[in-house]
Amino acid sequence: MSKALKWISAESIQGAEIVEKNINLKLNQASLNPYRFPPDKLKINNSGKYRCFVAHSYLVSYMVKETEILILRIRHIKQKPKGY
């Protein structure tokens, strides 16, 4: 994520701060209710524990564990989708 924020901040520091704040807000929502966001369609054989959300054109994928959520990847939505 830091590479993306550096790239955005080259255009607008305020823009990078807004993107980071929005992603962190949604991650906080996911930590309070891990199943709030839909299952990740790019996960092969997803049992429902792999979830994702979009924030400012970034797709954030995470895995729900018993006591935590793990952020798996953050990709710009214009990148070619990759299953995992």
N, C-alpha and C. Protein backbone atom coordinates (compact mmCIF):
# COMPACT_ATOMS: atom_id res chain seq x y z
N MET A 1 0.82 -1.19 0.00
CA MET A 1 0.00 0.00 0.00
C MET A 1 0.86 1.25 0.00
N SER A 2 2.02 1.18 0.62
CA SER A 2 2.87 2.37 0.71
C SER A 2 3.30 2.86 -0.67
N LYS A 3 3.52 1.94 -1.63
CA LYS A 3 3.89 2.36 -2.99
C LYS A 3 2.75 3.15 -3.63
N ALA A 4 1.54 2.67 -3.44
CA ALA A 4 0.39 3.35 -4.03
C ALA A 4 0.21 4.73 -3.40
N LEU A 5 0.37 4.81 -2.09
CA LEU A 5 0.22 6.10 -1.42
C LEU A 5 1.31 7.08 -1.84
N LYS A 6 2.53 6.60 -2.05
CA LYS A 6 3.61 7.46 -2.53
C LYS A 6 3.28 7.98 -3.93
N TRP A 7 2.76 7.09 -4.77
CA TRP A 7 2.41 7.49 -6.13
C TRP A 7 1.30 8.54 -6.11
N ILE A 8 0.29 8.32 -5.29
CA ILE A 8 -0.82 9.27 -5.19
C ILE A 8 -0.32 10.60 -4.63
N SER A 9 0.55 10.55 -3.63
CA SER A 9 1.03 11.78 -2.99
C SER A 9 1.88 12.63 -3.93
N ALA A 10 2.44 12.02 -4.97
CA ALA A 10 3.17 12.80 -5.96
C ALA A 10 2.24 13.77 -6.68
N GLU A 11 0.98 13.37 -6.83
CA GLU A 11 -0.04 14.23 -7.43
C GLU A 11 -0.70 15.11 -6.37
N SER A 12 -1.01 14.49 -5.21
CA SER A 12 -1.74 15.22 -4.18
C SER A 12 -1.53 14.54 -2.82
N ILE A 13 -0.89 15.23 -1.92
CA ILE A 13 -0.71 14.68 -0.57
C ILE A 13 -2.05 14.51 0.11
N GLN A 14 -2.93 15.48 -0.07
CA GLN A 14 -4.26 15.39 0.52
C GLN A 14 -5.02 14.19 -0.04
N GLY A 15 -4.87 13.94 -1.33
CA GLY A 15 -5.52 12.79 -1.95
C GLY A 15 -5.05 11.48 -1.36
N ALA A 16 -3.73 11.37 -1.13
CA ALA A 16 -3.18 10.15 -0.52
C ALA A 16 -3.71 9.97 0.89
N GLU A 17 -3.82 11.06 1.63
CA GLU A 17 -4.35 10.98 3.00
C GLU A 17 -5.81 10.53 3.00
N ILE A 18 -6.59 11.00 2.04
CA ILE A 18 -7.99 10.61 1.94
C ILE A 18 -8.12 9.12 1.62
N VAL A 19 -7.32 8.64 0.67
CA VAL A 19 -7.35 7.22 0.31
C VAL A 19 -6.97 6.36 1.51
N GLU A 20 -5.88 6.73 2.18
CA GLU A 20 -5.43 5.96 3.34
C GLU A 20 -6.49 5.97 4.45
N LYS A 21 -7.09 7.11 4.70
CA LYS A 21 -8.11 7.22 5.74
C LYS A 21 -9.31 6.34 5.42
N ASN A 22 -9.74 6.36 4.15
CA ASN A 22 -10.90 5.57 3.75
C ASN A 22 -10.63 4.07 3.85
N ILE A 23 -9.45 3.64 3.42
CA ILE A 23 -9.10 2.22 3.52
C ILE A 23 -9.03 1.81 4.98
N ASN A 24 -8.41 2.63 5.82
CA ASN A 24 -8.33 2.31 7.25
C ASN A 24 -9.71 2.27 7.90
N LEU A 25 -10.61 3.15 7.48
CA LEU A 25 -11.97 3.15 8.01
C LEU A 25 -12.67 1.83 7.68
N LYS A 26 -12.55 1.40 6.44
CA LYS A 26 -13.19 0.14 6.04
C LYS A 26 -12.53 -1.07 6.71
N LEU A 27 -11.22 -1.00 6.92
CA LEU A 27 -10.56 -2.09 7.65
C LEU A 27 -11.04 -2.14 9.09
N ASN A 28 -11.28 -0.99 9.68
CA ASN A 28 -11.81 -0.95 11.03
C ASN A 28 -13.21 -1.55 11.06
N GLN A 29 -14.04 -1.24 10.06
CA GLN A 29 -15.37 -1.83 9.97
C GLN A 29 -15.28 -3.34 9.83
N ALA A 30 -14.33 -3.80 9.04
CA ALA A 30 -14.14 -5.25 8.85
C ALA A 30 -13.69 -5.90 10.15
N SER A 31 -12.88 -5.21 10.93
CA SER A 31 -12.43 -5.80 12.19
C SER A 31 -13.59 -5.93 13.18
N LEU A 32 -14.55 -5.01 13.12
CA LEU A 32 -15.72 -5.08 14.00
C LEU A 32 -16.75 -6.10 13.53
N ASN A 33 -16.88 -6.24 12.23
CA ASN A 33 -17.82 -7.19 11.63
C ASN A 33 -17.17 -7.77 10.38
N PRO A 34 -16.39 -8.85 10.52
CA PRO A 34 -15.61 -9.38 9.40
C PRO A 34 -16.44 -9.80 8.18
N TYR A 35 -17.70 -10.13 8.40
CA TYR A 35 -18.53 -10.61 7.29
C TYR A 35 -19.39 -9.48 6.69
N ARG A 36 -19.07 -8.27 7.02
CA ARG A 36 -19.79 -7.09 6.51
C ARG A 36 -19.66 -6.96 4.99
N PHE A 37 -18.48 -7.26 4.47
CA PHE A 37 -18.20 -7.11 3.05
C PHE A 37 -18.39 -8.44 2.34
N PRO A 38 -18.62 -8.41 1.02
CA PRO A 38 -18.93 -9.65 0.29
C PRO A 38 -17.73 -10.58 0.15
N PRO A 39 -18.03 -11.86 -0.12
CA PRO A 39 -16.94 -12.81 -0.38
C PRO A 39 -16.11 -12.36 -1.58
N ASP A 40 -14.83 -12.68 -1.54
CA ASP A 40 -13.91 -12.33 -2.61
C ASP A 40 -14.12 -13.28 -3.78
N LYS A 41 -14.62 -12.77 -4.90
CA LYS A 41 -14.91 -13.60 -6.08
C LYS A 41 -13.64 -14.08 -6.77
N LEU A 42 -12.51 -13.43 -6.49
CA LEU A 42 -11.25 -13.85 -7.12
C LEU A 42 -10.58 -15.00 -6.39
N LYS A 43 -11.05 -15.34 -5.20
CA LYS A 43 -10.48 -16.46 -4.44
C LYS A 43 -11.05 -17.76 -4.96
N ILE A 44 -10.18 -18.63 -5.39
CA ILE A 44 -10.58 -19.94 -5.90
C ILE A 44 -11.01 -20.80 -4.71
N ASN A 45 -12.14 -21.47 -4.84
CA ASN A 45 -12.68 -22.32 -3.77
C ASN A 45 -12.84 -21.55 -2.46
N ASN A 46 -13.47 -20.40 -2.54
CA ASN A 46 -13.68 -19.56 -1.36
C ASN A 46 -14.77 -20.15 -0.48
N SER A 47 -14.40 -20.45 0.75
CA SER A 47 -15.37 -21.00 1.70
C SER A 47 -16.18 -19.91 2.38
N GLY A 48 -15.92 -18.65 2.04
CA GLY A 48 -16.61 -17.53 2.67
C GLY A 48 -15.74 -16.78 3.66
N LYS A 49 -14.57 -17.31 3.95
CA LYS A 49 -13.65 -16.65 4.88
C LYS A 49 -12.80 -15.59 4.19
N TYR A 50 -12.81 -15.59 2.89
CA TYR A 50 -12.06 -14.60 2.12
C TYR A 50 -13.03 -13.53 1.66
N ARG A 51 -12.80 -12.29 2.07
CA ARG A 51 -13.70 -11.18 1.80
C ARG A 51 -12.93 -10.06 1.11
N CYS A 52 -13.67 -9.09 0.57
CA CYS A 52 -13.02 -7.95 -0.07
C CYS A 52 -13.93 -6.74 -0.06
N PHE A 53 -13.31 -5.59 -0.25
CA PHE A 53 -14.06 -4.35 -0.42
C PHE A 53 -13.26 -3.44 -1.34
N VAL A 54 -13.95 -2.46 -1.90
CA VAL A 54 -13.30 -1.47 -2.78
C VAL A 54 -13.32 -0.13 -2.07
N ALA A 55 -12.17 0.53 -2.07
CA ALA A 55 -12.06 1.87 -1.51
C ALA A 55 -11.19 2.70 -2.45
N HIS A 56 -11.75 3.74 -3.01
CA HIS A 56 -11.02 4.64 -3.91
C HIS A 56 -10.27 3.88 -4.99
N SER A 57 -10.94 2.99 -5.67
CA SER A 57 -10.39 2.21 -6.78
C SER A 57 -9.35 1.17 -6.36
N TYR A 58 -9.30 0.84 -5.10
CA TYR A 58 -8.40 -0.22 -4.63
C TYR A 58 -9.25 -1.35 -4.06
N LEU A 59 -8.95 -2.56 -4.52
CA LEU A 59 -9.62 -3.75 -4.03
C LEU A 59 -8.77 -4.33 -2.90
N VAL A 60 -9.34 -4.40 -1.72
CA VAL A 60 -8.64 -4.92 -0.55
C VAL A 60 -9.22 -6.28 -0.22
N SER A 61 -8.38 -7.32 -0.27
CA SER A 61 -8.80 -8.68 0.04
C SER A 61 -8.26 -9.06 1.41
N TYR A 62 -9.10 -9.72 2.19
CA TYR A 62 -8.67 -10.14 3.52
C TYR A 62 -9.27 -11.50 3.87
N MET A 63 -8.65 -12.17 4.82
CA MET A 63 -9.12 -13.47 5.27
C MET A 63 -9.58 -13.36 6.72
N VAL A 64 -10.73 -13.91 7.02
CA VAL A 64 -11.27 -13.89 8.37
C VAL A 64 -10.74 -15.11 9.12
N LYS A 65 -10.05 -14.84 10.24
CA LYS A 65 -9.59 -15.91 11.12
C LYS A 65 -10.40 -15.81 12.41
N GLU A 66 -10.19 -16.72 13.32
CA GLU A 66 -10.99 -16.75 14.54
C GLU A 66 -10.87 -15.47 15.37
N THR A 67 -9.67 -14.95 15.52
CA THR A 67 -9.47 -13.79 16.38
C THR A 67 -8.88 -12.59 15.65
N GLU A 68 -8.75 -12.67 14.32
CA GLU A 68 -8.14 -11.58 13.58
C GLU A 68 -8.55 -11.63 12.11
N ILE A 69 -8.27 -10.55 11.41
CA ILE A 69 -8.39 -10.57 9.95
C ILE A 69 -7.00 -10.30 9.39
N LEU A 70 -6.69 -10.99 8.32
CA LEU A 70 -5.40 -10.83 7.67
C LEU A 70 -5.60 -10.16 6.32
N ILE A 71 -4.92 -9.06 6.10
CA ILE A 71 -4.99 -8.39 4.81
C ILE A 71 -4.11 -9.17 3.85
N LEU A 72 -4.69 -9.64 2.77
CA LEU A 72 -3.96 -10.48 1.83
C LEU A 72 -3.34 -9.69 0.69
N ARG A 73 -4.10 -8.73 0.17
CA ARG A 73 -3.56 -7.93 -0.93
C ARG A 73 -4.41 -6.70 -1.15
N ILE A 74 -3.76 -5.72 -1.75
CA ILE A 74 -4.41 -4.47 -2.13
C ILE A 74 -4.00 -4.21 -3.57
N ARG A 75 -4.98 -4.18 -4.45
CA ARG A 75 -4.70 -4.00 -5.88
C ARG A 75 -5.61 -2.93 -6.44
N HIS A 76 -5.08 -2.16 -7.38
CA HIS A 76 -5.91 -1.17 -8.08
C HIS A 76 -6.88 -1.94 -8.97
N ILE A 77 -8.11 -1.46 -9.05
CA ILE A 77 -9.12 -2.20 -9.80
C ILE A 77 -8.86 -2.22 -11.30
N LYS A 78 -7.99 -1.36 -11.80
CA LYS A 78 -7.66 -1.38 -13.23
C LYS A 78 -6.60 -2.42 -13.56
N GLN A 79 -5.98 -3.00 -12.53
CA GLN A 79 -5.02 -4.08 -12.79
C GLN A 79 -5.80 -5.31 -13.22
N LYS A 80 -5.16 -6.13 -14.03
CA LYS A 80 -5.79 -7.36 -14.48
C LYS A 80 -6.08 -8.24 -13.26
N PRO A 81 -7.34 -8.68 -13.10
CA PRO A 81 -7.67 -9.50 -11.94
C PRO A 81 -6.87 -10.81 -11.93
N LYS A 82 -6.40 -11.18 -10.75
CA LYS A 82 -5.67 -12.44 -10.59
C LYS A 82 -6.36 -13.26 -9.52
N GLY A 83 -6.67 -14.49 -9.87
CA GLY A 83 -7.21 -15.40 -8.87
C GLY A 83 -6.10 -15.85 -7.95
N TYR A 84 -6.48 -16.31 -6.81
CA TYR A 84 -5.49 -16.84 -5.87
C TYR A 84 -6.09 -17.96 -5.07
